[in-house]
mmCIF file of all heavy atoms, coordinates in Angstrom:
data_MODEL
# 
_entry.id   MODEL 
# 
loop_
_atom_site.group_PDB 
_atom_site.id 
_atom_site.type_symbol 
_atom_site.label_atom_id 
_atom_site.label_alt_id 
_atom_site.label_comp_id 
_atom_site.label_asym_id 
_atom_site.label_entity_id 
_atom_site.label_seq_id 
_atom_site.pdbx_PDB_ins_code 
_atom_site.Cartn_x 
_atom_site.Cartn_y 
_atom_site.Cartn_z 
_atom_site.occupancy 
_atom_site.B_iso_or_equiv 
_atom_site.pdbx_formal_charge 
_atom_site.auth_seq_id 
_atom_site.auth_comp_id 
_atom_site.auth_asym_id 
_atom_site.auth_atom_id 
_atom_site.pdbx_PDB_model_num 
ATOM 1   N N   . ALA A 1 1  ? 0.828   -1.168  -0.024 1.00 0.00 ? 1  ALA A N   1 
ATOM 2   C CA  . ALA A 1 1  ? -0.116  -0.047  -0.142 1.00 0.00 ? 1  ALA A CA  1 
ATOM 3   C C   . ALA A 1 1  ? 0.923   1.264   0.009  1.00 0.00 ? 1  ALA A C   1 
ATOM 4   O O   . ALA A 1 1  ? 2.148   1.232   0.345  1.00 0.00 ? 1  ALA A O   1 
ATOM 5   C CB  . ALA A 1 1  ? -0.836  -0.008  1.120  1.00 0.00 ? 1  ALA A CB  1 
ATOM 6   N N   . GLY A 1 2  ? 0.198   2.414   -0.270 1.00 0.00 ? 2  GLY A N   1 
ATOM 7   C CA  . GLY A 1 2  ? 1.064   3.622   -0.247 1.00 0.00 ? 2  GLY A CA  1 
ATOM 8   C C   . GLY A 1 2  ? 2.101   3.685   -1.343 1.00 0.00 ? 2  GLY A C   1 
ATOM 9   O O   . GLY A 1 2  ? 3.263   4.266   -1.063 1.00 0.00 ? 2  GLY A O   1 
ATOM 10  N N   . GLY A 1 3  ? 1.819   3.103   -2.443 1.00 0.00 ? 3  GLY A N   1 
ATOM 11  C CA  . GLY A 1 3  ? 2.789   3.032   -3.536 1.00 0.00 ? 3  GLY A CA  1 
ATOM 12  C C   . GLY A 1 3  ? 3.877   2.105   -3.266 1.00 0.00 ? 3  GLY A C   1 
ATOM 13  O O   . GLY A 1 3  ? 5.025   2.235   -3.826 1.00 0.00 ? 3  GLY A O   1 
ATOM 14  N N   . GLY A 1 4  ? 3.724   1.068   -2.441 1.00 0.00 ? 4  GLY A N   1 
ATOM 15  C CA  . GLY A 1 4  ? 4.756   0.104   -2.083 1.00 0.00 ? 4  GLY A CA  1 
ATOM 16  C C   . GLY A 1 4  ? 5.539   0.448   -0.826 1.00 0.00 ? 4  GLY A C   1 
ATOM 17  O O   . GLY A 1 4  ? 6.509   -0.358  -0.591 1.00 0.00 ? 4  GLY A O   1 
ATOM 18  N N   . VAL A 1 5  ? 5.209   1.549   -0.194 1.00 0.00 ? 5  VAL A N   1 
ATOM 19  C CA  . VAL A 1 5  ? 6.088   1.918   1.022  1.00 0.00 ? 5  VAL A CA  1 
ATOM 20  C C   . VAL A 1 5  ? 5.796   1.106   2.275  1.00 0.00 ? 5  VAL A C   1 
ATOM 21  O O   . VAL A 1 5  ? 6.431   0.940   3.235  1.00 0.00 ? 5  VAL A O   1 
ATOM 22  C CB  . VAL A 1 5  ? 6.049   3.401   1.323  1.00 0.00 ? 5  VAL A CB  1 
ATOM 23  C CG1 . VAL A 1 5  ? 6.639   4.155   0.248  1.00 0.00 ? 5  VAL A CG1 1 
ATOM 24  C CG2 . VAL A 1 5  ? 4.613   3.852   1.633  1.00 0.00 ? 5  VAL A CG2 1 
ATOM 25  N N   . VAL A 1 6  ? 4.569   0.413   2.232  1.00 0.00 ? 6  VAL A N   1 
ATOM 26  C CA  . VAL A 1 6  ? 4.121   -0.472  3.306  1.00 0.00 ? 6  VAL A CA  1 
ATOM 27  C C   . VAL A 1 6  ? 3.734   -1.722  2.714  1.00 0.00 ? 6  VAL A C   1 
ATOM 28  O O   . VAL A 1 6  ? 2.953   -1.855  1.781  1.00 0.00 ? 6  VAL A O   1 
ATOM 29  C CB  . VAL A 1 6  ? 2.950   0.139   4.112  1.00 0.00 ? 6  VAL A CB  1 
ATOM 30  C CG1 . VAL A 1 6  ? 2.365   -0.880  5.103  1.00 0.00 ? 6  VAL A CG1 1 
ATOM 31  C CG2 . VAL A 1 6  ? 3.332   1.345   4.840  1.00 0.00 ? 6  VAL A CG2 1 
ATOM 32  N N   . SER A 1 7  ? 4.221   -2.838  3.301  1.00 0.00 ? 7  SER A N   1 
ATOM 33  C CA  . SER A 1 7  ? 3.885   -4.156  2.843  1.00 0.00 ? 7  SER A CA  1 
ATOM 34  C C   . SER A 1 7  ? 3.392   -4.982  4.006  1.00 0.00 ? 7  SER A C   1 
ATOM 35  O O   . SER A 1 7  ? 3.996   -5.021  5.090  1.00 0.00 ? 7  SER A O   1 
ATOM 36  C CB  . SER A 1 7  ? 5.217   -4.786  2.288  1.00 0.00 ? 7  SER A CB  1 
ATOM 37  O OG  . SER A 1 7  ? 5.010   -6.170  1.938  1.00 0.00 ? 7  SER A OG  1 
ATOM 38  N N   . VAL A 1 8  ? 2.276   -5.710  3.813  1.00 0.00 ? 8  VAL A N   1 
ATOM 39  C CA  . VAL A 1 8  ? 1.677   -6.540  4.835  1.00 0.00 ? 8  VAL A CA  1 
ATOM 40  C C   . VAL A 1 8  ? 1.748   -7.909  4.374  1.00 0.00 ? 8  VAL A C   1 
ATOM 41  O O   . VAL A 1 8  ? 1.191   -8.430  3.211  1.00 0.00 ? 8  VAL A O   1 
ATOM 42  C CB  . VAL A 1 8  ? 0.336   -6.107  5.218  1.00 0.00 ? 8  VAL A CB  1 
ATOM 43  C CG1 . VAL A 1 8  ? -0.436  -7.127  6.147  1.00 0.00 ? 8  VAL A CG1 1 
ATOM 44  C CG2 . VAL A 1 8  ? 0.216   -4.742  5.797  1.00 0.00 ? 8  VAL A CG2 1 
ATOM 45  N N   . LYS A 1 9  ? 2.120   -8.829  5.241  1.00 0.00 ? 9  LYS A N   1 
ATOM 46  C CA  . LYS A 1 9  ? 2.138   -10.209 4.969  1.00 0.00 ? 9  LYS A CA  1 
ATOM 47  C C   . LYS A 1 9  ? 1.088   -10.919 5.846  1.00 0.00 ? 9  LYS A C   1 
ATOM 48  O O   . LYS A 1 9  ? 1.172   -10.716 7.083  1.00 0.00 ? 9  LYS A O   1 
ATOM 49  C CB  . LYS A 1 9  ? 3.565   -10.966 5.103  1.00 0.00 ? 9  LYS A CB  1 
ATOM 50  C CG  . LYS A 1 9  ? 3.680   -12.369 4.636  1.00 0.00 ? 9  LYS A CG  1 
ATOM 51  C CD  . LYS A 1 9  ? 5.097   -12.866 4.834  1.00 0.00 ? 9  LYS A CD  1 
ATOM 52  C CE  . LYS A 1 9  ? 5.610   -13.535 3.631  1.00 0.00 ? 9  LYS A CE  1 
ATOM 53  N NZ  . LYS A 1 9  ? 6.977   -14.032 3.851  1.00 0.00 ? 9  LYS A NZ  1 
ATOM 54  N N   . ILE A 1 10 ? 0.236   -11.759 5.282  1.00 0.00 ? 10 ILE A N   1 
ATOM 55  C CA  . ILE A 1 10 ? -0.918  -12.292 6.089  1.00 0.00 ? 10 ILE A CA  1 
ATOM 56  C C   . ILE A 1 10 ? -0.964  -13.783 5.545  1.00 0.00 ? 10 ILE A C   1 
ATOM 57  O O   . ILE A 1 10 ? -0.610  -14.096 4.338  1.00 0.00 ? 10 ILE A O   1 
ATOM 58  C CB  . ILE A 1 10 ? -2.179  -11.551 5.783  1.00 0.00 ? 10 ILE A CB  1 
ATOM 59  C CG1 . ILE A 1 10 ? -3.352  -11.935 6.662  1.00 0.00 ? 10 ILE A CG1 1 
ATOM 60  C CG2 . ILE A 1 10 ? -2.544  -11.607 4.328  1.00 0.00 ? 10 ILE A CG2 1 
ATOM 61  C CD1 . ILE A 1 10 ? -4.562  -10.970 6.674  1.00 0.00 ? 10 ILE A CD1 1 
ATOM 62  N N   . ASN A 1 11 ? -1.591  -14.566 6.496  1.00 0.00 ? 11 ASN A N   1 
ATOM 63  C CA  . ASN A 1 11 ? -1.889  -16.025 6.093  1.00 0.00 ? 11 ASN A CA  1 
ATOM 64  C C   . ASN A 1 11 ? -3.324  -16.198 5.975  1.00 0.00 ? 11 ASN A C   1 
ATOM 65  O O   . ASN A 1 11 ? -4.148  -15.270 6.099  1.00 0.00 ? 11 ASN A O   1 
ATOM 66  C CB  . ASN A 1 11 ? -1.205  -16.976 7.108  1.00 0.00 ? 11 ASN A CB  1 
ATOM 67  C CG  . ASN A 1 11 ? -1.927  -16.932 8.513  1.00 0.00 ? 11 ASN A CG  1 
ATOM 68  O OD1 . ASN A 1 11 ? -3.026  -16.543 8.767  1.00 0.00 ? 11 ASN A OD1 1 
ATOM 69  N ND2 . ASN A 1 11 ? -1.173  -17.477 9.437  1.00 0.00 ? 11 ASN A ND2 1 
ATOM 70  N N   . GLY A 1 12 ? -3.691  -17.383 5.482  1.00 0.00 ? 12 GLY A N   1 
ATOM 71  C CA  . GLY A 1 12 ? -5.076  -17.548 5.246  1.00 0.00 ? 12 GLY A CA  1 
ATOM 72  C C   . GLY A 1 12 ? -5.918  -17.655 6.390  1.00 0.00 ? 12 GLY A C   1 
ATOM 73  O O   . GLY A 1 12 ? -7.243  -17.586 6.234  1.00 0.00 ? 12 GLY A O   1 
ATOM 74  N N   . LYS A 1 13 ? -5.327  -17.628 7.596  1.00 0.00 ? 13 LYS A N   1 
ATOM 75  C CA  . LYS A 1 13 ? -6.257  -17.549 8.874  1.00 0.00 ? 13 LYS A CA  1 
ATOM 76  C C   . LYS A 1 13 ? -6.426  -16.140 9.214  1.00 0.00 ? 13 LYS A C   1 
ATOM 77  O O   . LYS A 1 13 ? -6.955  -15.854 10.322 1.00 0.00 ? 13 LYS A O   1 
ATOM 78  C CB  . LYS A 1 13 ? -5.495  -18.282 9.928  1.00 0.00 ? 13 LYS A CB  1 
ATOM 79  C CG  . LYS A 1 13 ? -5.397  -19.815 9.785  1.00 0.00 ? 13 LYS A CG  1 
ATOM 80  C CD  . LYS A 1 13 ? -4.529  -20.349 10.981 1.00 0.00 ? 13 LYS A CD  1 
ATOM 81  C CE  . LYS A 1 13 ? -4.348  -21.864 10.806 1.00 0.00 ? 13 LYS A CE  1 
ATOM 82  N NZ  . LYS A 1 13 ? -3.661  -22.360 11.954 1.00 0.00 ? 13 LYS A NZ  1 
ATOM 83  N N   . LYS A 1 14 ? -6.053  -15.206 8.285  1.00 0.00 ? 14 LYS A N   1 
ATOM 84  C CA  . LYS A 1 14 ? -6.029  -13.665 8.646  1.00 0.00 ? 14 LYS A CA  1 
ATOM 85  C C   . LYS A 1 14 ? -5.191  -13.282 9.830  1.00 0.00 ? 14 LYS A C   1 
ATOM 86  O O   . LYS A 1 14 ? -5.492  -12.282 10.554 1.00 0.00 ? 14 LYS A O   1 
ATOM 87  C CB  . LYS A 1 14 ? -7.553  -13.303 8.766  1.00 0.00 ? 14 LYS A CB  1 
ATOM 88  C CG  . LYS A 1 14 ? -8.440  -13.648 7.577  1.00 0.00 ? 14 LYS A CG  1 
ATOM 89  C CD  . LYS A 1 14 ? -9.831  -13.212 7.892  1.00 0.00 ? 14 LYS A CD  1 
ATOM 90  C CE  . LYS A 1 14 ? -10.863 -13.983 6.955  1.00 0.00 ? 14 LYS A CE  1 
ATOM 91  N NZ  . LYS A 1 14 ? -12.124 -13.903 7.372  1.00 0.00 ? 14 LYS A NZ  1 
ATOM 92  N N   . GLU A 1 15 ? -4.043  -14.020 9.938  1.00 0.00 ? 15 GLU A N   1 
ATOM 93  C CA  . GLU A 1 15 ? -3.150  -13.560 10.961 1.00 0.00 ? 15 GLU A CA  1 
ATOM 94  C C   . GLU A 1 15 ? -2.008  -12.748 10.232 1.00 0.00 ? 15 GLU A C   1 
ATOM 95  O O   . GLU A 1 15 ? -1.450  -13.251 9.273  1.00 0.00 ? 15 GLU A O   1 
ATOM 96  C CB  . GLU A 1 15 ? -2.597  -14.840 11.623 1.00 0.00 ? 15 GLU A CB  1 
ATOM 97  C CG  . GLU A 1 15 ? -3.526  -15.684 12.399 1.00 0.00 ? 15 GLU A CG  1 
ATOM 98  C CD  . GLU A 1 15 ? -2.895  -17.066 12.809 1.00 0.00 ? 15 GLU A CD  1 
ATOM 99  O OE1 . GLU A 1 15 ? -2.035  -17.545 12.147 1.00 0.00 ? 15 GLU A OE1 1 
ATOM 100 O OE2 . GLU A 1 15 ? -3.442  -17.589 13.745 1.00 0.00 ? 15 GLU A OE2 1 
ATOM 101 N N   . ILE A 1 16 ? -1.765  -11.578 10.720 1.00 0.00 ? 16 ILE A N   1 
ATOM 102 C CA  . ILE A 1 16 ? -0.621  -10.847 10.122 1.00 0.00 ? 16 ILE A CA  1 
ATOM 103 C C   . ILE A 1 16 ? 0.715   -11.395 10.540 1.00 0.00 ? 16 ILE A C   1 
ATOM 104 O O   . ILE A 1 16 ? 0.916   -11.523 11.718 1.00 0.00 ? 16 ILE A O   1 
ATOM 105 C CB  . ILE A 1 16 ? -0.626  -9.358  10.671 1.00 0.00 ? 16 ILE A CB  1 
ATOM 106 C CG1 . ILE A 1 16 ? -2.151  -8.653  10.421 1.00 0.00 ? 16 ILE A CG1 1 
ATOM 107 C CG2 . ILE A 1 16 ? 0.375   -8.429  10.093 1.00 0.00 ? 16 ILE A CG2 1 
ATOM 108 C CD1 . ILE A 1 16 ? -2.462  -8.547  8.999  1.00 0.00 ? 16 ILE A CD1 1 
ATOM 109 N N   . LEU A 1 17 ? 1.544   -11.697 9.662  1.00 0.00 ? 17 LEU A N   1 
ATOM 110 C CA  . LEU A 1 17 ? 2.792   -12.329 9.790  1.00 0.00 ? 17 LEU A CA  1 
ATOM 111 C C   . LEU A 1 17 ? 3.872   -11.222 9.894  1.00 0.00 ? 17 LEU A C   1 
ATOM 112 O O   . LEU A 1 17 ? 4.850   -11.474 10.579 1.00 0.00 ? 17 LEU A O   1 
ATOM 113 C CB  . LEU A 1 17 ? 3.072   -13.298 8.689  1.00 0.00 ? 17 LEU A CB  1 
ATOM 114 C CG  . LEU A 1 17 ? 1.918   -14.455 8.612  1.00 0.00 ? 17 LEU A CG  1 
ATOM 115 C CD1 . LEU A 1 17 ? 2.342   -15.296 7.390  1.00 0.00 ? 17 LEU A CD1 1 
ATOM 116 C CD2 . LEU A 1 17 ? 1.895   -15.268 9.779  1.00 0.00 ? 17 LEU A CD2 1 
ATOM 117 N N   . ALA A 1 18 ? 3.773   -10.230 9.084  1.00 0.00 ? 18 ALA A N   1 
ATOM 118 C CA  . ALA A 1 18 ? 4.811   -9.265  9.001  1.00 0.00 ? 18 ALA A CA  1 
ATOM 119 C C   . ALA A 1 18 ? 4.320   -7.869  8.409  1.00 0.00 ? 18 ALA A C   1 
ATOM 120 O O   . ALA A 1 18 ? 3.383   -7.859  7.601  1.00 0.00 ? 18 ALA A O   1 
ATOM 121 C CB  . ALA A 1 18 ? 5.968   -9.716  8.259  1.00 0.00 ? 18 ALA A CB  1 
ATOM 122 N N   . ILE A 1 19 ? 4.802   -6.793  8.887  1.00 0.00 ? 19 ILE A N   1 
ATOM 123 C CA  . ILE A 1 19 ? 4.612   -5.521  8.210  1.00 0.00 ? 19 ILE A CA  1 
ATOM 124 C C   . ILE A 1 19 ? 5.877   -4.937  8.047  1.00 0.00 ? 19 ILE A C   1 
ATOM 125 O O   . ILE A 1 19 ? 6.729   -4.771  9.031  1.00 0.00 ? 19 ILE A O   1 
ATOM 126 C CB  . ILE A 1 19 ? 3.781   -4.623  9.254  1.00 0.00 ? 19 ILE A CB  1 
ATOM 127 C CG1 . ILE A 1 19 ? 2.353   -5.223  9.483  1.00 0.00 ? 19 ILE A CG1 1 
ATOM 128 C CG2 . ILE A 1 19 ? 3.603   -3.197  8.727  1.00 0.00 ? 19 ILE A CG2 1 
ATOM 129 C CD1 . ILE A 1 19 ? 1.518   -4.503  10.480 1.00 0.00 ? 19 ILE A CD1 1 
ATOM 130 N N   . ASP A 1 20 ? 6.173   -4.506  6.834  1.00 0.00 ? 20 ASP A N   1 
ATOM 131 C CA  . ASP A 1 20 ? 7.400   -3.809  6.407  1.00 0.00 ? 20 ASP A CA  1 
ATOM 132 C C   . ASP A 1 20 ? 7.120   -2.338  6.016  1.00 0.00 ? 20 ASP A C   1 
ATOM 133 O O   . ASP A 1 20 ? 6.232   -2.150  5.228  1.00 0.00 ? 20 ASP A O   1 
ATOM 134 C CB  . ASP A 1 20 ? 7.998   -4.604  5.151  1.00 0.00 ? 20 ASP A CB  1 
ATOM 135 C CG  . ASP A 1 20 ? 9.336   -3.984  4.881  1.00 0.00 ? 20 ASP A CG  1 
ATOM 136 O OD1 . ASP A 1 20 ? 10.138  -3.692  5.690  1.00 0.00 ? 20 ASP A OD1 1 
ATOM 137 O OD2 . ASP A 1 20 ? 9.578   -3.752  3.586  1.00 0.00 ? 20 ASP A OD2 1 
ATOM 138 N N   . ILE A 1 21 ? 7.783   -1.477  6.629  1.00 0.00 ? 21 ILE A N   1 
ATOM 139 C CA  . ILE A 1 21 ? 7.593   -0.122  6.396  1.00 0.00 ? 21 ILE A CA  1 
ATOM 140 C C   . ILE A 1 21 ? 8.790   0.531   5.853  1.00 0.00 ? 21 ILE A C   1 
ATOM 141 O O   . ILE A 1 21 ? 9.942   0.462   6.538  1.00 0.00 ? 21 ILE A O   1 
ATOM 142 C CB  . ILE A 1 21 ? 7.235   0.550   7.746  1.00 0.00 ? 21 ILE A CB  1 
ATOM 143 C CG1 . ILE A 1 21 ? 5.848   -0.007  8.320  1.00 0.00 ? 21 ILE A CG1 1 
ATOM 144 C CG2 . ILE A 1 21 ? 7.029   2.130   7.457  1.00 0.00 ? 21 ILE A CG2 1 
ATOM 145 C CD1 . ILE A 1 21 ? 5.533   0.377   9.705  1.00 0.00 ? 21 ILE A CD1 1 
ATOM 146 N N   . GLN A 1 22 ? 8.841   1.163   4.763  1.00 0.00 ? 22 GLN A N   1 
ATOM 147 C CA  . GLN A 1 22 ? 9.975   1.724   4.240  1.00 0.00 ? 22 GLN A CA  1 
ATOM 148 C C   . GLN A 1 22 ? 10.256  3.027   4.960  1.00 0.00 ? 22 GLN A C   1 
ATOM 149 O O   . GLN A 1 22 ? 9.446   3.868   5.311  1.00 0.00 ? 22 GLN A O   1 
ATOM 150 C CB  . GLN A 1 22 ? 9.859   2.169   2.637  1.00 0.00 ? 22 GLN A CB  1 
ATOM 151 C CG  . GLN A 1 22 ? 9.541   0.901   1.778  1.00 0.00 ? 22 GLN A CG  1 
ATOM 152 C CD  . GLN A 1 22 ? 10.715  -0.051  1.756  1.00 0.00 ? 22 GLN A CD  1 
ATOM 153 O OE1 . GLN A 1 22 ? 11.777  0.372   1.598  1.00 0.00 ? 22 GLN A OE1 1 
ATOM 154 N NE2 . GLN A 1 22 ? 10.454  -1.406  1.994  1.00 0.00 ? 22 GLN A NE2 1 
ATOM 155 N N   . PRO A 1 23 ? 11.611  3.320   5.267  1.00 0.00 ? 23 PRO A N   1 
ATOM 156 C CA  . PRO A 1 23 ? 11.936  4.434   6.053  1.00 0.00 ? 23 PRO A CA  1 
ATOM 157 C C   . PRO A 1 23 ? 11.392  5.803   5.491  1.00 0.00 ? 23 PRO A C   1 
ATOM 158 O O   . PRO A 1 23 ? 11.131  6.642   6.332  1.00 0.00 ? 23 PRO A O   1 
ATOM 159 C CB  . PRO A 1 23 ? 13.441  4.489   6.067  1.00 0.00 ? 23 PRO A CB  1 
ATOM 160 C CG  . PRO A 1 23 ? 13.943  3.114   5.713  1.00 0.00 ? 23 PRO A CG  1 
ATOM 161 C CD  . PRO A 1 23 ? 12.771  2.519   4.823  1.00 0.00 ? 23 PRO A CD  1 
ATOM 162 N N   . GLU A 1 24 ? 11.373  5.891   4.191  1.00 0.00 ? 24 GLU A N   1 
ATOM 163 C CA  . GLU A 1 24 ? 10.997  7.329   3.654  1.00 0.00 ? 24 GLU A CA  1 
ATOM 164 C C   . GLU A 1 24 ? 9.522   7.636   4.067  1.00 0.00 ? 24 GLU A C   1 
ATOM 165 O O   . GLU A 1 24 ? 9.219   8.793   3.894  1.00 0.00 ? 24 GLU A O   1 
ATOM 166 C CB  . GLU A 1 24 ? 11.149  7.337   2.157  1.00 0.00 ? 24 GLU A CB  1 
ATOM 167 C CG  . GLU A 1 24 ? 10.343  6.391   1.386  1.00 0.00 ? 24 GLU A CG  1 
ATOM 168 C CD  . GLU A 1 24 ? 11.089  5.086   1.045  1.00 0.00 ? 24 GLU A CD  1 
ATOM 169 O OE1 . GLU A 1 24 ? 12.061  4.671   1.668  1.00 0.00 ? 24 GLU A OE1 1 
ATOM 170 O OE2 . GLU A 1 24 ? 10.616  4.324   0.198  1.00 0.00 ? 24 GLU A OE2 1 
ATOM 171 N N   . ILE A 1 25 ? 8.690   6.689   4.399  1.00 0.00 ? 25 ILE A N   1 
ATOM 172 C CA  . ILE A 1 25 ? 7.295   7.074   4.713  1.00 0.00 ? 25 ILE A CA  1 
ATOM 173 C C   . ILE A 1 25 ? 7.191   7.446   6.227  1.00 0.00 ? 25 ILE A C   1 
ATOM 174 O O   . ILE A 1 25 ? 6.143   8.108   6.691  1.00 0.00 ? 25 ILE A O   1 
ATOM 175 C CB  . ILE A 1 25 ? 6.326   5.969   4.369  1.00 0.00 ? 25 ILE A CB  1 
ATOM 176 C CG1 . ILE A 1 25 ? 4.877   6.355   4.487  1.00 0.00 ? 25 ILE A CG1 1 
ATOM 177 C CG2 . ILE A 1 25 ? 6.515   4.752   5.332  1.00 0.00 ? 25 ILE A CG2 1 
ATOM 178 C CD1 . ILE A 1 25 ? 4.418   7.499   3.632  1.00 0.00 ? 25 ILE A CD1 1 
ATOM 179 N N   . VAL A 1 26 ? 8.142   7.207   7.048  1.00 0.00 ? 26 VAL A N   1 
ATOM 180 C CA  . VAL A 1 26 ? 8.159   7.470   8.420  1.00 0.00 ? 26 VAL A CA  1 
ATOM 181 C C   . VAL A 1 26 ? 8.509   9.099   8.666  1.00 0.00 ? 26 VAL A C   1 
ATOM 182 O O   . VAL A 1 26 ? 9.567   9.477   8.477  1.00 0.00 ? 26 VAL A O   1 
ATOM 183 C CB  . VAL A 1 26 ? 9.178   6.560   9.247  1.00 0.00 ? 26 VAL A CB  1 
ATOM 184 C CG1 . VAL A 1 26 ? 9.047   6.985   10.716 1.00 0.00 ? 26 VAL A CG1 1 
ATOM 185 C CG2 . VAL A 1 26 ? 8.887   5.092   9.027  1.00 0.00 ? 26 VAL A CG2 1 
ATOM 186 N N   . ASP A 1 27 ? 7.512   9.825   9.039  1.00 0.00 ? 27 ASP A N   1 
ATOM 187 C CA  . ASP A 1 27 ? 7.561   11.223  9.221  1.00 0.00 ? 27 ASP A CA  1 
ATOM 188 C C   . ASP A 1 27 ? 7.141   11.383  10.656 1.00 0.00 ? 27 ASP A C   1 
ATOM 189 O O   . ASP A 1 27 ? 5.780   11.422  10.805 1.00 0.00 ? 27 ASP A O   1 
ATOM 190 C CB  . ASP A 1 27 ? 6.860   12.023  8.155  1.00 0.00 ? 27 ASP A CB  1 
ATOM 191 C CG  . ASP A 1 27 ? 6.928   13.419  8.354  1.00 0.00 ? 27 ASP A CG  1 
ATOM 192 O OD1 . ASP A 1 27 ? 7.577   13.918  9.444  1.00 0.00 ? 27 ASP A OD1 1 
ATOM 193 O OD2 . ASP A 1 27 ? 6.510   14.237  7.528  1.00 0.00 ? 27 ASP A OD2 1 
ATOM 194 N N   . PRO A 1 28 ? 7.866   11.833  11.613 1.00 0.00 ? 28 PRO A N   1 
ATOM 195 C CA  . PRO A 1 28 ? 7.352   11.946  12.926 1.00 0.00 ? 28 PRO A CA  1 
ATOM 196 C C   . PRO A 1 28 ? 6.342   13.068  13.063 1.00 0.00 ? 28 PRO A C   1 
ATOM 197 O O   . PRO A 1 28 ? 5.423   13.062  13.955 1.00 0.00 ? 28 PRO A O   1 
ATOM 198 C CB  . PRO A 1 28 ? 8.649   12.388  13.714 1.00 0.00 ? 28 PRO A CB  1 
ATOM 199 C CG  . PRO A 1 28 ? 9.760   12.031  12.900 1.00 0.00 ? 28 PRO A CG  1 
ATOM 200 C CD  . PRO A 1 28 ? 9.257   11.959  11.467 1.00 0.00 ? 28 PRO A CD  1 
# 
């Protein structure tokens, strides 16, 4: 999502396995 800056990995049980956030989207 967000043009690829956030990636979510999920399994078939709808359990979130990982969330990857690119540093350039992190703005305090």
